Amino acid sequence: MEQKAASIWKSALMSGLYLGVVLILFSVILYATGNSFSKVAQYGSYPIAILGIIYCQISYKKALGGTMNYGQALGIGILAMVFASFLSGLFTYLLYAVIDPSMQEQLRAFTEEQIVQKGNIPEEQLDMVIEMSTKFQKPIFMFFAAIFGGAFMGTVISLITAIFIKKNPSDEVPE
């Protein structure tokens, strides 16, 4: 079967757009319910990202005519996650900088509480650790961290899912 010409950029952009919107909706739900800093918020985006990347890879494979090599599956997964992370990071920036700037203080208080609960930091160093972690909680830093973190997460997920999604033309049985 001959591969059709399908733009990896267009496919990744569209899939990334869909995935980014779902991630934003997930964040809005967490924000609206007051669970922005819960365990669900910390780990809930992983299944969404996994399913989104699988959907993206399968859609691209169909656009290519049913065959796709490992590199194509890996590339489309990473690109889609980068686009989705950009959208999600932009929403996070807007949430912390424009929509609800008090979230920065809430995040600082949550971080301080978590550090104190762990109890592995001596009290004389506690203020320094909290001050240092607060520096990395600025909206612009969170925006770029979302993009790079999403790219990393997309790479790891795509490395695994591409193994199962790929279908080389040579894998087909000749008739």
Protein backbone atom coordinates (compact mmCIF):
# COMPACT_ATOMS: atom_id res chain seq x y z
CA MET A 1 0.00 0.00 0.00
CA GLU A 2 1.39 3.37 -0.98
CA GLN A 3 1.66 6.07 1.68
CA LYS A 4 -0.43 9.15 1.10
CA ALA A 5 1.10 12.57 1.52
CA ALA A 6 -0.08 13.92 4.86
CA SER A 7 1.44 16.92 6.55
CA ILE A 8 2.87 16.00 9.93
CA TRP A 9 2.72 19.65 10.96
CA LYS A 10 -0.96 20.08 10.14
CA SER A 11 -1.89 16.78 11.78
CA ALA A 12 0.17 17.56 14.89
CA LEU A 13 -1.25 21.07 15.11
CA MET A 14 -4.86 19.88 14.89
CA SER A 15 -4.34 17.01 17.35
CA GLY A 16 -2.35 19.28 19.64
CA LEU A 17 -5.15 21.83 19.51
CA TYR A 18 -7.71 19.22 20.56
CA LEU A 19 -5.46 17.86 23.29
CA GLY A 20 -4.63 21.36 24.51
CA VAL A 21 -8.32 22.24 24.77
CA VAL A 22 -9.00 19.08 26.78
CA LEU A 23 -6.08 19.87 29.11
CA ILE A 24 -7.38 23.44 29.54
CA LEU A 25 -10.88 22.16 30.30
CA PHE A 26 -9.37 19.80 32.88
CA SER A 27 -7.55 22.77 34.46
CA VAL A 28 -10.72 24.88 34.46
CA ILE A 29 -12.64 22.10 36.22
CA LEU A 30 -9.90 21.78 38.83
CA TYR A 31 -9.81 25.56 39.29
CA ALA A 32 -13.62 25.85 39.55
CA THR A 33 -13.80 23.07 42.14
CA GLY A 34 -10.89 24.46 44.16
CA ASN A 35 -8.65 21.46 43.48
CA SER A 36 -5.87 23.19 41.58
CA PHE A 37 -3.20 21.85 43.94
CA SER A 38 -4.64 18.38 44.65
CA LYS A 39 -3.16 15.00 43.73
CA VAL A 40 -5.72 14.80 40.90
CA ALA A 41 -4.28 18.03 39.50
CA GLN A 42 -0.75 16.69 39.77
CA TYR A 43 -1.37 13.34 38.07
CA GLY A 44 -4.66 13.76 36.19
CA SER A 45 -3.12 15.16 33.03
CA TYR A 46 -1.04 12.01 32.39
CA PRO A 47 -3.94 9.79 31.24
CA ILE A 48 -5.29 12.67 29.16
CA ALA A 49 -1.88 13.11 27.48
CA ILE A 50 -1.48 9.38 26.87
CA LEU A 51 -4.92 9.06 25.28
CA GLY A 52 -4.38 12.26 23.28
CA ILE A 53 -1.07 11.07 21.87
CA ILE A 54 -2.52 7.65 21.00
CA TYR A 55 -5.44 9.35 19.24
CA CYS A 56 -3.02 11.61 17.38
CA GLN A 57 -0.82 8.73 16.24
CA ILE A 58 -3.75 6.61 15.10
CA SER A 59 -5.29 9.54 13.21
CA TYR A 60 -2.01 10.27 11.47
CA LYS A 61 -1.55 6.62 10.58
CA LYS A 62 -5.00 6.65 8.94
CA ALA A 63 -4.09 9.83 7.05
CA LEU A 64 -0.97 8.06 5.76
CA GLY A 65 -3.06 5.21 4.40
CA GLY A 66 -2.76 2.76 7.28
CA THR A 67 1.01 2.51 7.54
CA MET A 68 3.41 4.55 9.63
CA ASN A 69 6.95 3.87 10.74
CA TYR A 70 8.26 4.30 14.29
CA GLY A 71 9.89 7.67 13.57
CA GLN A 72 6.68 9.12 12.17
CA ALA A 73 4.69 7.87 15.17
CA LEU A 74 7.27 9.32 17.54
CA GLY A 75 7.44 12.65 15.73
CA ILE A 76 3.70 13.22 15.52
CA GLY A 77 3.27 12.39 19.21
CA ILE A 78 5.98 14.80 20.32
CA LEU A 79 4.82 17.61 18.06
CA ALA A 80 1.20 17.27 19.12
CA MET A 81 2.21 17.36 22.79
CA VAL A 82 4.37 20.46 22.21
CA PHE A 83 1.42 22.27 20.61
CA ALA A 84 -0.91 21.10 23.40
CA SER A 85 1.60 22.17 26.05
CA PHE A 86 1.91 25.59 24.45
CA LEU A 87 -1.86 26.09 24.71
CA SER A 88 -2.04 24.69 28.21
CA GLY A 89 0.96 26.79 29.30
CA LEU A 90 -0.63 29.90 27.81
CA PHE A 91 -3.79 29.21 29.81
CA THR A 92 -1.73 28.69 32.98
CA TYR A 93 0.05 31.98 32.38
CA LEU A 94 -3.26 33.79 31.88
CA LEU A 95 -4.76 32.13 34.95
CA TYR A 96 -1.90 33.11 37.26
CA ALA A 97 -1.12 36.52 35.74
CA VAL A 98 -4.50 37.88 34.60
CA ILE A 99 -7.54 35.83 35.62
CA ASP A 100 -6.64 35.16 39.25
CA PRO A 101 -3.30 36.62 40.40
CA SER A 102 -4.08 35.46 43.95
CA MET A 103 -3.28 31.93 42.70
CA GLN A 104 0.42 32.82 42.97
CA GLU A 105 0.05 33.41 46.71
CA GLN A 106 -2.09 30.28 47.07
CA LEU A 107 0.60 28.26 45.31
CA ARG A 108 3.31 29.74 47.53
CA ALA A 109 1.31 28.86 50.66
CA PHE A 110 0.64 25.35 49.35
CA THR A 111 4.33 24.85 48.57
CA GLU A 112 5.34 26.09 52.02
CA GLU A 113 2.83 23.73 53.63
CA GLN A 114 4.16 20.78 51.62
CA ILE A 115 7.78 21.56 52.53
CA VAL A 116 6.93 21.88 56.23
CA GLN A 117 4.92 18.62 56.18
CA LYS A 118 7.80 16.67 54.71
CA GLY A 119 9.99 17.93 57.53
CA ASN A 120 13.31 17.17 55.83
CA ILE A 121 14.43 20.84 55.73
CA PRO A 122 16.02 22.34 58.83
CA GLU A 123 14.06 25.34 60.16
CA GLU A 124 16.92 27.77 59.61
CA GLN A 125 16.92 26.89 55.87
CA LEU A 126 13.13 26.82 55.49
CA ASP A 127 12.77 30.48 54.45
CA MET A 128 15.56 30.17 51.90
CA VAL A 129 14.00 27.04 50.34
CA ILE A 130 10.56 28.66 50.16
CA GLU A 131 12.01 31.83 48.64
CA MET A 132 13.90 29.78 46.06
CA SER A 133 10.83 27.73 45.10
CA THR A 134 8.73 30.91 44.84
CA LYS A 135 11.12 32.25 42.20
CA PHE A 136 10.18 29.33 39.94
CA GLN A 137 6.45 29.91 40.44
CA LYS A 138 6.18 33.07 38.38
CA PRO A 139 3.63 32.86 35.55
CA ILE A 140 6.16 33.35 32.75
CA PHE A 141 8.41 30.63 34.15
CA MET A 142 5.39 28.33 34.49
CA PHE A 143 4.55 28.99 30.81
CA PHE A 144 7.98 27.88 29.59
CA ALA A 145 8.12 25.01 32.09
CA ALA A 146 4.79 23.76 30.70
CA ILE A 147 6.17 23.73 27.15
CA PHE A 148 9.42 21.97 28.04
CA GLY A 149 7.72 19.64 30.51
CA GLY A 150 5.07 18.78 27.93
CA ALA A 151 7.71 18.13 25.29
CA PHE A 152 9.55 15.82 27.68
CA MET A 153 6.34 14.03 28.71
CA GLY A 154 5.30 13.77 25.05
CA THR A 155 8.67 12.26 24.17
CA VAL A 156 8.47 9.62 26.90
CA ILE A 157 4.86 8.72 26.10
CA SER A 158 5.49 8.71 22.33
CA LEU A 159 8.59 6.52 22.68
CA ILE A 160 6.36 3.87 24.25
CA THR A 161 3.13 4.27 22.29
CA ALA A 162 4.90 4.44 18.92
CA ILE A 163 6.02 0.83 19.43
CA PHE A 164 2.40 -0.31 19.43
CA ILE A 165 0.90 2.14 16.94
CA LYS A 166 3.46 1.85 14.11
CA LYS A 167 2.78 -0.34 11.13
CA ASN A 168 5.52 -0.52 8.55
CA PRO A 169 4.55 -1.21 4.93
CA SER A 170 6.71 -4.35 5.09
CA ASP A 171 4.53 -5.66 7.97
CA GLU A 172 1.64 -6.22 5.57
CA VAL A 173 1.12 -9.65 4.09
CA PRO A 174 1.23 -9.54 0.26
CA GLU A 175 -1.85 -10.85 -1.50
